[in-house]
Amino acid sequence: MGRLRAARTDGPGEGADEGQCPSEEQLELLGLLAEGLKDEAIARRLGVHVHTARRRITRLLHDLDADTRFQAGARATLRGWLDD
C-alpha cells in the first residue's frame, strides 16, 4: 500500500486542484479508502456519522474528478499524493 504525503506546490493550497496540496482531511480519508474500509468503518474511525463520511468521500471524489474510489486513488497517485 502506498504512503500518503502532501504534494509539493509553488503556493498554498487548500483544495484538491492540480498542483495544490491535499488537506489533512483528504489525506486521512485517502488512507482509509486505501485500506479498503467500508463507509461505516470510515465513519467510526473519523468519529462521524456515516452520512458525514459519505459526504466527505463524495466531495473527495469530486475534487479529484473521479467516479470511483479506485479512480480517486489513481488520480491521487498521479498528483503525487500517494507514493508508489
N, C-alpha and C. Protein backbone atom coordinates (compact mmCIF):
# COMPACT_ATOMS: atom_id res chain seq x y z
N MET A 1 0.84 -1.17 0.00
CA MET A 1 0.00 0.00 0.00
C MET A 1 0.89 1.23 0.00
N GLY A 2 0.44 2.29 -0.71
CA GLY A 2 1.23 3.50 -0.80
C GLY A 2 1.15 4.34 0.45
N ARG A 3 2.19 5.12 0.64
CA ARG A 3 2.21 6.05 1.76
C ARG A 3 1.59 7.35 1.30
N LEU A 4 0.94 8.05 2.22
CA LEU A 4 0.34 9.33 1.91
C LEU A 4 1.34 10.43 2.19
N ARG A 5 1.31 11.44 1.35
CA ARG A 5 2.17 12.59 1.58
C ARG A 5 1.56 13.79 0.91
N ALA A 6 1.94 14.96 1.36
CA ALA A 6 1.45 16.20 0.74
C ALA A 6 2.25 16.48 -0.51
N ALA A 7 1.56 16.88 -1.56
CA ALA A 7 2.23 17.22 -2.81
C ALA A 7 2.97 18.54 -2.66
N ARG A 8 4.03 18.70 -3.41
CA ARG A 8 4.77 19.97 -3.41
C ARG A 8 4.07 20.95 -4.34
N THR A 9 4.03 22.20 -3.92
CA THR A 9 3.42 23.23 -4.76
C THR A 9 4.26 24.49 -4.69
N ASP A 10 3.94 25.42 -5.59
CA ASP A 10 4.61 26.71 -5.57
C ASP A 10 3.91 27.67 -4.62
N GLY A 11 2.68 27.36 -4.27
CA GLY A 11 1.93 28.25 -3.39
C GLY A 11 1.02 27.46 -2.48
N PRO A 12 0.39 28.15 -1.56
CA PRO A 12 -0.51 27.45 -0.65
C PRO A 12 -1.73 26.95 -1.38
N GLY A 13 -2.29 25.87 -0.87
CA GLY A 13 -3.50 25.34 -1.48
C GLY A 13 -4.32 24.60 -0.46
N GLU A 14 -5.61 24.75 -0.58
CA GLU A 14 -6.49 24.07 0.36
C GLU A 14 -7.30 23.02 -0.34
N GLY A 15 -7.59 23.17 -1.62
CA GLY A 15 -8.44 22.22 -2.32
C GLY A 15 -7.64 21.12 -2.94
N ALA A 16 -8.28 20.40 -3.84
CA ALA A 16 -7.63 19.27 -4.47
C ALA A 16 -7.30 19.57 -5.92
N ASP A 17 -7.25 20.86 -6.29
CA ASP A 17 -6.91 21.21 -7.66
C ASP A 17 -5.50 20.77 -7.97
N GLU A 18 -5.23 20.52 -9.26
CA GLU A 18 -3.89 20.10 -9.65
C GLU A 18 -2.88 21.11 -9.14
N GLY A 19 -1.78 20.60 -8.61
CA GLY A 19 -0.72 21.46 -8.16
C GLY A 19 -0.90 21.97 -6.74
N GLN A 20 -2.01 21.63 -6.10
CA GLN A 20 -2.22 22.08 -4.73
C GLN A 20 -2.05 20.92 -3.78
N CYS A 21 -1.68 21.26 -2.56
CA CYS A 21 -1.52 20.24 -1.53
C CYS A 21 -2.89 19.75 -1.07
N PRO A 22 -3.00 18.47 -0.79
CA PRO A 22 -4.25 17.97 -0.22
C PRO A 22 -4.36 18.41 1.23
N SER A 23 -5.58 18.54 1.70
CA SER A 23 -5.79 18.88 3.10
C SER A 23 -5.50 17.66 3.96
N GLU A 24 -5.34 17.88 5.26
CA GLU A 24 -5.14 16.77 6.19
C GLU A 24 -6.34 15.82 6.13
N GLU A 25 -7.54 16.39 6.02
CA GLU A 25 -8.76 15.57 5.94
C GLU A 25 -8.73 14.69 4.69
N GLN A 26 -8.31 15.26 3.56
CA GLN A 26 -8.25 14.49 2.32
C GLN A 26 -7.23 13.36 2.44
N LEU A 27 -6.07 13.64 3.03
CA LEU A 27 -5.06 12.60 3.19
C LEU A 27 -5.55 11.49 4.11
N GLU A 28 -6.21 11.88 5.20
CA GLU A 28 -6.72 10.87 6.13
C GLU A 28 -7.77 10.00 5.44
N LEU A 29 -8.65 10.63 4.70
CA LEU A 29 -9.70 9.90 4.01
C LEU A 29 -9.12 8.99 2.93
N LEU A 30 -8.14 9.48 2.20
CA LEU A 30 -7.48 8.63 1.19
C LEU A 30 -6.83 7.41 1.84
N GLY A 31 -6.23 7.61 2.99
CA GLY A 31 -5.62 6.49 3.71
C GLY A 31 -6.63 5.44 4.10
N LEU A 32 -7.78 5.89 4.58
CA LEU A 32 -8.83 4.95 4.98
C LEU A 32 -9.41 4.23 3.77
N LEU A 33 -9.57 4.96 2.67
CA LEU A 33 -10.05 4.33 1.44
C LEU A 33 -9.02 3.33 0.92
N ALA A 34 -7.75 3.68 1.02
CA ALA A 34 -6.68 2.78 0.56
C ALA A 34 -6.64 1.50 1.38
N GLU A 35 -7.08 1.56 2.63
CA GLU A 35 -7.16 0.37 3.47
C GLU A 35 -8.31 -0.53 3.06
N GLY A 36 -9.19 -0.02 2.19
CA GLY A 36 -10.33 -0.81 1.74
C GLY A 36 -11.49 -0.81 2.70
N LEU A 37 -11.53 0.17 3.59
CA LEU A 37 -12.61 0.22 4.58
C LEU A 37 -13.94 0.63 3.94
N LYS A 38 -15.01 0.10 4.49
CA LYS A 38 -16.36 0.48 4.06
C LYS A 38 -16.73 1.78 4.74
N ASP A 39 -17.79 2.41 4.22
CA ASP A 39 -18.23 3.70 4.74
C ASP A 39 -18.45 3.70 6.24
N GLU A 40 -19.06 2.65 6.74
CA GLU A 40 -19.37 2.57 8.17
C GLU A 40 -18.09 2.54 9.01
N ALA A 41 -17.10 1.79 8.55
CA ALA A 41 -15.82 1.71 9.27
C ALA A 41 -15.07 3.04 9.19
N ILE A 42 -15.15 3.69 8.05
CA ILE A 42 -14.52 5.01 7.89
C ILE A 42 -15.16 5.99 8.86
N ALA A 43 -16.48 5.96 8.94
CA ALA A 43 -17.20 6.86 9.85
C ALA A 43 -16.77 6.62 11.29
N ARG A 44 -16.65 5.36 11.68
CA ARG A 44 -16.21 5.06 13.05
C ARG A 44 -14.81 5.59 13.31
N ARG A 45 -13.90 5.38 12.36
CA ARG A 45 -12.52 5.85 12.53
C ARG A 45 -12.45 7.37 12.64
N LEU A 46 -13.31 8.05 11.86
CA LEU A 46 -13.31 9.51 11.88
C LEU A 46 -14.13 10.07 13.03
N GLY A 47 -14.95 9.23 13.65
CA GLY A 47 -15.79 9.70 14.74
C GLY A 47 -16.95 10.55 14.26
N VAL A 48 -17.47 10.22 13.07
CA VAL A 48 -18.58 10.98 12.50
C VAL A 48 -19.69 10.02 12.10
N HIS A 49 -20.84 10.58 11.78
CA HIS A 49 -21.97 9.78 11.31
C HIS A 49 -21.65 9.27 9.91
N VAL A 50 -22.19 8.12 9.56
CA VAL A 50 -21.91 7.52 8.25
C VAL A 50 -22.29 8.46 7.11
N HIS A 51 -23.36 9.26 7.28
CA HIS A 51 -23.74 10.20 6.22
C HIS A 51 -22.68 11.28 6.02
N THR A 52 -22.06 11.70 7.12
CA THR A 52 -20.97 12.68 7.03
C THR A 52 -19.78 12.07 6.30
N ALA A 53 -19.45 10.84 6.63
CA ALA A 53 -18.34 10.16 5.96
C ALA A 53 -18.62 10.04 4.46
N ARG A 54 -19.83 9.67 4.11
CA ARG A 54 -20.19 9.53 2.69
C ARG A 54 -20.11 10.88 1.97
N ARG A 55 -20.54 11.94 2.65
CA ARG A 55 -20.45 13.28 2.05
C ARG A 55 -18.99 13.65 1.80
N ARG A 56 -18.12 13.33 2.75
CA ARG A 56 -16.70 13.65 2.59
C ARG A 56 -16.08 12.83 1.46
N ILE A 57 -16.46 11.57 1.37
CA ILE A 57 -15.97 10.71 0.28
C ILE A 57 -16.43 11.26 -1.07
N THR A 58 -17.70 11.63 -1.15
CA THR A 58 -18.24 12.19 -2.39
C THR A 58 -17.50 13.46 -2.77
N ARG A 59 -17.23 14.32 -1.78
CA ARG A 59 -16.51 15.57 -2.05
C ARG A 59 -15.09 15.28 -2.53
N LEU A 60 -14.42 14.29 -1.91
CA LEU A 60 -13.07 13.93 -2.32
C LEU A 60 -13.06 13.43 -3.76
N LEU A 61 -14.01 12.55 -4.09
CA LEU A 61 -14.10 12.05 -5.46
C LEU A 61 -14.34 13.20 -6.44
N HIS A 62 -15.21 14.13 -6.06
CA HIS A 62 -15.47 15.29 -6.91
C HIS A 62 -14.21 16.13 -7.08
N ASP A 63 -13.52 16.39 -5.97
CA ASP A 63 -12.30 17.20 -6.02
C ASP A 63 -11.24 16.57 -6.91
N LEU A 64 -11.19 15.24 -6.93
CA LEU A 64 -10.22 14.53 -7.75
C LEU A 64 -10.75 14.22 -9.14
N ASP A 65 -11.98 14.64 -9.43
CA ASP A 65 -12.64 14.37 -10.71
C ASP A 65 -12.65 12.87 -10.98
N ALA A 66 -13.04 12.12 -9.96
CA ALA A 66 -13.05 10.66 -10.04
C ALA A 66 -14.47 10.14 -9.88
N ASP A 67 -14.77 9.06 -10.59
CA ASP A 67 -16.09 8.44 -10.50
C ASP A 67 -16.11 7.28 -9.51
N THR A 68 -14.94 6.71 -9.22
CA THR A 68 -14.86 5.56 -8.32
C THR A 68 -13.75 5.79 -7.30
N ARG A 69 -13.76 4.97 -6.25
CA ARG A 69 -12.71 5.05 -5.25
C ARG A 69 -11.36 4.67 -5.85
N PHE A 70 -11.37 3.67 -6.71
CA PHE A 70 -10.13 3.25 -7.37
C PHE A 70 -9.57 4.40 -8.20
N GLN A 71 -10.44 5.04 -8.97
CA GLN A 71 -10.00 6.16 -9.80
C GLN A 71 -9.47 7.30 -8.93
N ALA A 72 -10.08 7.52 -7.78
CA ALA A 72 -9.60 8.56 -6.87
C ALA A 72 -8.18 8.24 -6.41
N GLY A 73 -7.92 6.98 -6.09
CA GLY A 73 -6.58 6.58 -5.69
C GLY A 73 -5.57 6.77 -6.81
N ALA A 74 -5.98 6.42 -8.02
CA ALA A 74 -5.09 6.59 -9.17
C ALA A 74 -4.79 8.06 -9.41
N ARG A 75 -5.80 8.89 -9.34
CA ARG A 75 -5.60 10.33 -9.56
C ARG A 75 -4.77 10.96 -8.44
N ALA A 76 -4.99 10.50 -7.21
CA ALA A 76 -4.18 11.00 -6.10
C ALA A 76 -2.72 10.61 -6.29
N THR A 77 -2.48 9.41 -6.80
CA THR A 77 -1.10 8.98 -7.08
C THR A 77 -0.49 9.85 -8.17
N LEU A 78 -1.24 10.11 -9.23
CA LEU A 78 -0.72 10.95 -10.31
C LEU A 78 -0.40 12.36 -9.83
N ARG A 79 -1.14 12.83 -8.87
CA ARG A 79 -0.88 14.17 -8.31
C ARG A 79 0.26 14.18 -7.31
N GLY A 80 0.78 12.99 -7.00
CA GLY A 80 1.89 12.92 -6.06
C GLY A 80 1.45 12.85 -4.62
N TRP A 81 0.18 12.57 -4.37
CA TRP A 81 -0.34 12.49 -3.01
C TRP A 81 -0.03 11.14 -2.40
N LEU A 82 0.18 10.12 -3.22
CA LEU A 82 0.48 8.77 -2.75
C LEU A 82 1.80 8.32 -3.36
N ASP A 83 2.63 7.69 -2.57
CA ASP A 83 3.85 7.10 -3.10
C ASP A 83 3.50 5.74 -3.69
N ASP A 84 4.25 5.34 -4.69
CA ASP A 84 4.02 4.03 -5.31
C ASP A 84 4.42 2.91 -4.38
